[in-house]
């Protein structure tokens, strides 16, 4: 069955505006059956990978705000209820994915993906968590205790190492989620939040923390080049710090350092090891 996404969008936009007005009036109303159907159809399309919260159009990444609105409406129209998942029971509004083995995804016990997230065939989920609206590409490993926040985009053949935290965002609806493009390597215990964009093939060493305001400093040239909110393609990045003067004195605040570039002929781990060895830096 072909889905008319333009009609769904119009229905959801109108319903979201009405819901916002009701919240402002501190009133509640019955949710129209048309709205319920539109929201559930949208979430089901997200779950199957037919829709994305963020999608590439040419060289630009576009946020489908109406899809985020559908997720918010889904929360509002769902009720708290017991949810069974094997031997485990939860109480929540959003069910978890139920795997039947035909999806082509390896799901290790204690891995949880919420309904409305998309996990492509060939992905591997170690004990981890993927929230609603997120998309995980084919060949990607979500390692132990890594979390993928709501609406985040994780490309193909990405490695999210143990304990990685990929931030999520639902509100404001215009805010861009975290984007991790294909073939990136995110080292153990890295934190990537606030819509940071990791471009294709980039390598983050263990413990790198990136927010929308974190300075990402390329130190490979004769003078530093500063990025914010974006890690360039194939960059090799480690944690760093830089001095900042406050009223009580000068202290070091976190930043990230680009210390090299991944070679196309080598894999991510090899590139990171080579760059660390070249600059005699542990990470």
Foldseek 3Di string as FASTA:
>chain_A
DDDDVVVLLVLLVVQLVVVVVCVVVVHDDDDDPVLVVSLVVLLQCLAAVVDAQWDDDPPDIAGPLSSLSSVVVQQVVFDWDWEDDPVDIDTGRWYWDDDDPPQQEAEAPLDTETRQHYEHHQEYEDNEYEYHREYAEHLEYQEAHEYAEHREYHYHNEYNYHQEYQYYDSPPSRFAGEYAYPQEYEEANEYHGRRAYEDAQEYEYHPHYAHQAAWEWEPQDPDIDTDGSYDDHQFYKYKDWDWDADPVGIDTDIHMYGQDGHDPVDHRVVRNVVSCVVVVHDD
